[in-house]
């Protein structure tokens, strides 16, 4: 049994089909089937039940899958650790980030880190919080920059200060120029533009305050919320630090006076998993 065979077997286990696994591995199906057969012969046990269109792991196959995941993760971590030792503080750092953290990441953290470590390049993957955490779990990024709320069960988390949500609007929607903030109830019956990531939080909080929010537009990016609000199509709800992410020349904003709608940016990484020296240094910079 070798690392290559374990990678082949894990691909079959993940895909549930030898044809799909072969495609994923960019190899022909017959050699992959042969490798599976050789692995079963070496271990003296059947690892999969072969069906007409798919394969199912046997109990022995499930054991091997779990061990293969651990072995391959350790192998990859060891390779990265050796590469770290050779490169020192150079190389590429992969970060997953939500769009609404852009201001926090660029202005307060990334610029200072770049000054201190000029030899480092970056690979940035953008998505919502759940997509970023999925990238972490798959090993595509080392660090995620996400927003609360999220499931922290397998994550190490480093939080920065809490911030309020704001209501962004053109002057046409302004109803009390003398007040820089609003109570949540004042958004009742107003056409709201919200980021899908916060739909459940906003909807549940509004219901707790006695009304169903009137959602005019649901979208997947805080920048889209800003652009639609800037066009005068409704009132956007975004984290305060996201206000600078897109054109807002026509907009004013008011802080929403509601503790339940406060949110925080967090740097997250997988528990008990090796972090490169670059990732460790970046996390240290996040603590400053």
Protein backbone atom coordinates (compact mmCIF):
# COMPACT_ATOMS: atom_id res chain seq x y z
CA UNK A 1 0.00 0.00 0.00
CA UNK A 2 1.37 3.46 -0.89
CA UNK A 3 0.25 7.08 -0.86
CA UNK A 4 -0.77 6.95 -4.50
CA UNK A 5 -3.11 4.00 -3.89
CA UNK A 6 -4.64 5.76 -0.89
CA UNK A 7 -5.35 8.84 -3.03
CA UNK A 8 -6.98 6.63 -5.65
CA UNK A 9 -9.12 4.87 -3.05
CA UNK A 10 -10.16 8.12 -1.38
CA UNK A 11 -11.26 9.54 -4.75
CA UNK A 12 -13.43 6.45 -5.32
CA UNK A 13 -14.89 6.76 -1.81
CA UNK A 14 -15.67 10.47 -2.29
CA UNK A 15 -17.15 10.11 -5.77
CA UNK A 16 -19.06 6.87 -5.13
CA UNK A 17 -18.31 5.83 -8.68
CA UNK A 18 -15.12 4.59 -10.34
CA UNK A 19 -15.83 6.43 -13.59
CA UNK A 20 -16.23 9.77 -11.78
CA UNK A 21 -13.17 9.08 -9.64
CA UNK A 22 -11.09 8.33 -12.75
CA UNK A 23 -12.26 11.59 -14.31
CA UNK A 24 -11.36 13.50 -11.14
CA UNK A 25 -7.91 11.87 -11.09
CA UNK A 26 -7.48 12.50 -14.83
CA UNK A 27 -6.79 8.86 -15.60
CA UNK A 28 -8.51 6.01 -17.45
CA UNK A 29 -11.03 3.85 -15.63
CA UNK A 30 -9.42 0.37 -16.19
CA UNK A 31 -6.12 1.24 -14.43
CA UNK A 32 -8.06 2.72 -11.50
CA UNK A 33 -10.21 -0.41 -11.21
CA UNK A 34 -7.01 -2.48 -11.29
CA UNK A 35 -5.45 -0.43 -8.48
CA UNK A 36 -8.57 -0.95 -6.36
CA UNK A 37 -8.42 -4.69 -7.01
CA UNK A 38 -4.72 -4.83 -6.08
CA UNK A 39 -5.41 -2.93 -2.87
CA UNK A 40 -8.19 -5.36 -1.91
CA UNK A 41 -5.92 -8.33 -2.66
CA UNK A 42 -3.10 -6.87 -0.57
CA UNK A 43 -5.39 -6.24 2.41
CA UNK A 44 -7.29 -9.50 1.93
CA UNK A 45 -10.70 -7.86 2.26
CA UNK A 46 -13.38 -6.39 0.01
CA UNK A 47 -13.38 -2.58 0.28
CA UNK A 48 -16.39 -1.75 -1.91
CA UNK A 49 -19.60 -3.34 -3.07
CA UNK A 50 -19.81 -2.80 -6.81
CA UNK A 51 -23.21 -1.89 -8.23
CA UNK A 52 -24.38 -1.20 -11.77
CA UNK A 53 -23.80 2.54 -11.49
CA UNK A 54 -22.07 3.15 -8.18
CA UNK A 55 -19.96 1.59 -5.45
CA UNK A 56 -20.70 1.43 -1.74
CA UNK A 57 -17.99 1.19 0.91
CA UNK A 58 -17.96 -1.94 3.04
CA UNK A 59 -17.24 -1.65 6.77
CA UNK A 60 -13.57 -2.31 5.97
CA UNK A 61 -13.73 0.34 3.27
CA UNK A 62 -15.09 2.90 5.74
CA UNK A 63 -12.20 2.16 8.11
CA UNK A 64 -9.67 2.58 5.30
CA UNK A 65 -11.32 5.79 4.09
CA UNK A 66 -11.05 7.36 7.55
CA UNK A 67 -7.43 6.28 7.95
CA UNK A 68 -6.57 7.37 4.41
CA UNK A 69 -7.92 10.86 5.11
CA UNK A 70 -5.71 11.11 8.21
CA UNK A 71 -2.63 9.72 6.45
CA UNK A 72 -2.98 11.98 3.42
CA UNK A 73 -3.61 15.03 5.58
CA UNK A 74 -0.48 14.24 7.59
CA UNK A 75 1.47 13.72 4.36
CA UNK A 76 0.32 17.04 2.94
CA UNK A 77 1.04 18.83 6.23
CA UNK A 78 4.52 17.34 6.35
CA UNK A 79 5.22 18.47 2.80
CA UNK A 80 4.06 22.00 3.62
CA UNK A 81 6.13 22.05 6.80
CA UNK A 82 9.29 21.03 4.93
CA UNK A 83 8.58 23.62 2.23
CA UNK A 84 8.14 26.24 4.96
CA UNK A 85 11.52 25.32 6.39
CA UNK A 86 13.18 25.64 2.97
CA UNK A 87 11.45 28.89 1.95
CA UNK A 88 11.42 30.68 5.27
CA UNK A 89 9.00 33.61 5.22
CA UNK A 90 8.42 33.52 1.48
CA UNK A 91 5.85 31.88 -0.74
CA UNK A 92 2.10 32.19 -1.18
CA UNK A 93 -0.58 32.47 1.49
CA UNK A 94 -4.09 31.26 0.62
CA UNK A 95 -6.90 33.14 2.34
CA UNK A 96 -10.65 32.73 1.99
CA UNK A 97 -12.65 35.87 2.71
CA UNK A 98 -16.20 37.16 2.67
CA UNK A 99 -16.73 40.31 0.63
CA UNK A 100 -18.07 42.26 3.62
CA UNK A 101 -14.71 41.91 5.41
CA UNK A 102 -12.80 43.64 2.61
CA UNK A 103 -12.32 46.94 4.41
CA UNK A 104 -11.19 45.30 7.63
CA UNK A 105 -8.83 42.94 5.85
CA UNK A 106 -7.24 45.45 3.47
CA UNK A 107 -7.03 48.60 5.55
CA UNK A 108 -6.32 47.24 9.01
CA UNK A 109 -4.46 43.96 8.48
CA UNK A 110 -3.18 43.05 5.05
CA UNK A 111 -1.34 46.30 4.34
CA UNK A 112 0.69 46.09 7.53
CA UNK A 113 1.44 42.40 7.00
CA UNK A 114 2.67 43.14 3.47
CA UNK A 115 5.07 45.81 4.77
CA UNK A 116 6.60 43.33 7.21
CA UNK A 117 6.80 40.36 4.80
CA UNK A 118 7.53 41.68 1.32
CA UNK A 119 8.40 38.24 -0.06
CA UNK A 120 4.89 36.89 0.48
CA UNK A 121 2.29 36.67 -2.30
CA UNK A 122 -1.41 36.02 -1.83
CA UNK A 123 -4.13 33.82 -3.27
CA UNK A 124 -7.55 35.13 -2.29
CA UNK A 125 -10.76 33.09 -2.58
CA UNK A 126 -14.02 34.98 -2.06
CA UNK A 127 -17.41 33.63 -1.06
CA UNK A 128 -19.90 33.71 1.78
CA UNK A 129 -19.00 32.47 5.26
CA UNK A 130 -20.18 28.91 4.59
CA UNK A 131 -18.23 28.73 1.32
CA UNK A 132 -15.07 29.97 3.03
CA UNK A 133 -15.40 27.38 5.81
CA UNK A 134 -15.89 24.70 3.15
CA UNK A 135 -12.66 25.85 1.46
CA UNK A 136 -10.91 25.51 4.83
CA UNK A 137 -12.22 21.99 5.32
CA UNK A 138 -11.04 21.01 1.84
CA UNK A 139 -7.57 22.43 2.47
CA UNK A 140 -7.83 24.96 -0.37
CA UNK A 141 -7.18 27.88 1.99
CA UNK A 142 -5.30 27.99 5.28
CA UNK A 143 -7.11 30.92 6.86
CA UNK A 144 -10.66 32.15 6.53
CA UNK A 145 -11.89 35.69 7.20
CA UNK A 146 -15.57 35.30 7.98
CA UNK A 147 -18.46 36.96 9.78
CA UNK A 148 -20.53 35.80 12.70
CA UNK A 149 -22.69 33.85 13.16
CA UNK A 150 -21.17 30.50 12.11
CA UNK A 151 -20.54 27.02 13.55
CA UNK A 152 -17.24 27.06 15.47
CA UNK A 153 -17.11 23.35 16.41
CA UNK A 154 -13.97 22.44 14.42
CA UNK A 155 -12.47 25.91 14.15
CA UNK A 156 -9.98 28.04 16.01
CA UNK A 157 -11.29 31.61 15.99
CA UNK A 158 -9.78 35.03 16.51
CA UNK A 159 -12.37 37.81 16.68
CA UNK A 160 -12.04 41.54 16.19
CA UNK A 161 -14.36 44.20 17.56
CA UNK A 162 -18.12 43.92 17.24
CA UNK A 163 -19.83 46.31 14.85
CA UNK A 164 -23.45 47.29 14.16
CA UNK A 165 -25.50 46.74 11.05
CA UNK A 166 -26.44 49.89 9.20
CA UNK A 167 -29.37 50.85 7.02
CA UNK A 168 -28.12 52.46 3.79
CA UNK A 169 -30.48 54.58 1.71
CA UNK A 170 -30.78 57.49 -0.68
CA UNK A 171 -32.18 60.77 0.72
CA UNK A 172 -35.61 59.87 -0.74
CA UNK A 173 -35.99 57.26 2.01
CA UNK A 174 -34.78 59.57 4.81
CA UNK A 175 -37.54 60.18 7.34
CA UNK A 176 -35.67 61.74 10.28
CA UNK A 177 -32.54 63.71 9.25
CA UNK A 178 -31.77 64.72 12.83
CA UNK A 179 -31.25 61.12 14.00
CA UNK A 180 -28.07 59.27 12.98
CA UNK A 181 -29.50 55.95 14.13
CA UNK A 182 -32.77 54.05 13.82
CA UNK A 183 -34.69 51.49 15.81
CA UNK A 184 -35.33 48.23 13.98
CA UNK A 185 -39.08 48.78 14.09
CA UNK A 186 -38.69 51.86 11.89
CA UNK A 187 -37.83 49.54 8.99
CA UNK A 188 -41.27 47.95 9.06
CA UNK A 189 -42.95 48.11 5.63
CA UNK A 190 -39.79 49.55 4.06
CA UNK A 191 -38.40 47.75 0.94
CA UNK A 192 -35.27 46.02 2.22
CA UNK A 193 -32.24 44.89 0.24
CA UNK A 194 -30.36 42.23 2.15
CA UNK A 195 -27.41 39.92 1.77
CA UNK A 196 -28.62 36.29 1.78
CA UNK A 197 -25.98 35.41 4.38
CA UNK A 198 -27.94 37.48 6.96
CA UNK A 199 -31.46 36.59 5.85
CA UNK A 200 -32.27 34.29 8.76
CA UNK A 201 -30.74 36.63 11.35
CA UNK A 202 -32.56 39.69 10.01
CA UNK A 203 -35.88 37.89 9.54
CA UNK A 204 -35.85 36.31 13.01
CA UNK A 205 -34.84 39.58 14.68
CA UNK A 206 -37.60 41.49 12.89
CA UNK A 207 -40.15 38.86 13.94
CA UNK A 208 -38.96 39.21 17.54
CA UNK A 209 -39.70 42.92 17.17
CA UNK A 210 -43.23 42.20 15.97
CA UNK A 211 -43.10 42.49 12.20
CA UNK A 212 -42.28 40.55 9.04
CA UNK A 213 -39.56 42.31 7.00
CA UNK A 214 -40.51 43.42 3.50
CA UNK A 215 -37.63 41.98 1.46
CA UNK A 216 -37.46 43.67 -1.92
CA UNK A 217 -34.17 42.09 -3.02
CA UNK A 218 -32.13 39.15 -1.74
CA UNK A 219 -28.58 38.83 -3.03
CA UNK A 220 -25.26 37.09 -2.37
CA UNK A 221 -22.90 40.02 -1.88
CA UNK A 222 -22.78 43.13 0.32
CA UNK A 223 -21.56 45.08 -2.71
CA UNK A 224 -24.76 44.23 -4.59
CA UNK A 225 -26.78 45.49 -1.63
CA UNK A 226 -24.89 48.80 -1.82
CA UNK A 227 -25.32 49.13 -5.59
CA UNK A 228 -29.06 48.50 -5.48
CA UNK A 229 -29.53 50.88 -2.56
CA UNK A 230 -27.40 53.48 -4.35
CA UNK A 231 -29.79 53.20 -7.31
CA UNK A 232 -32.67 54.17 -5.00
CA UNK A 233 -34.38 50.79 -5.14
CA UNK A 234 -34.73 50.28 -1.41
CA UNK A 235 -32.94 50.30 1.94
CA UNK A 236 -29.92 48.05 2.26
CA UNK A 237 -28.80 46.36 5.46
CA UNK A 238 -25.07 45.66 5.75
CA UNK A 239 -22.32 45.56 8.39
CA UNK A 240 -20.99 49.07 8.99
CA UNK A 241 -17.45 48.33 7.77
CA UNK A 242 -18.83 47.14 4.40
CA UNK A 243 -20.04 50.65 3.51
CA UNK A 244 -16.81 51.46 1.62
CA UNK A 245 -16.88 48.34 -0.58
CA UNK A 246 -18.82 49.78 -3.54
CA UNK A 247 -20.13 53.02 -4.99
CA UNK A 248 -22.21 54.83 -2.39
CA UNK A 249 -22.20 58.39 -3.69
CA UNK A 250 -25.98 58.71 -3.35
CA UNK A 251 -26.21 57.03 0.04
CA UNK A 252 -26.47 57.99 3.66
CA UNK A 253 -26.50 55.48 6.47
CA UNK A 254 -27.98 55.07 9.91
CA UNK A 255 -26.82 52.64 12.58
CA UNK A 256 -29.51 50.16 13.55
CA UNK A 257 -29.96 50.24 17.31
CA UNK A 258 -30.30 46.52 17.88
CA UNK A 259 -27.72 44.42 19.73
CA UNK A 260 -28.92 41.23 18.00
CA UNK A 261 -27.80 42.67 14.67
CA UNK A 262 -24.23 43.30 15.74
CA UNK A 263 -21.67 41.17 13.94
CA UNK A 264 -17.94 40.50 14.11
CA UNK A 265 -15.23 39.60 11.63
CA UNK A 266 -13.14 36.61 12.64
CA UNK A 267 -10.00 34.91 11.39
CA UNK A 268 -10.58 31.14 11.49
CA UNK A 269 -8.54 28.03 10.83
CA UNK A 270 -9.01 24.29 11.32
CA UNK A 271 -8.32 22.92 14.81
CA UNK A 272 -5.38 20.52 15.25
CA UNK A 273 -4.18 21.08 11.69
CA UNK A 274 -0.70 22.23 10.76
CA UNK A 275 -0.45 25.92 9.85
CA UNK A 276 2.37 27.23 7.71
CA UNK A 277 4.72 29.83 9.16
CA UNK A 278 3.13 32.41 6.85
CA UNK A 279 -0.35 31.62 8.15
CA UNK A 280 0.85 31.76 11.75
CA UNK A 281 2.46 35.16 11.18
CA UNK A 282 -0.71 36.45 9.51
CA UNK A 283 -2.81 35.35 12.47
CA UNK A 284 -0.36 37.08 14.80
CA UNK A 285 -0.81 40.27 12.77
CA UNK A 286 -4.59 39.93 13.21
CA UNK A 287 -4.11 40.14 16.98
CA UNK A 288 -2.38 43.51 16.86
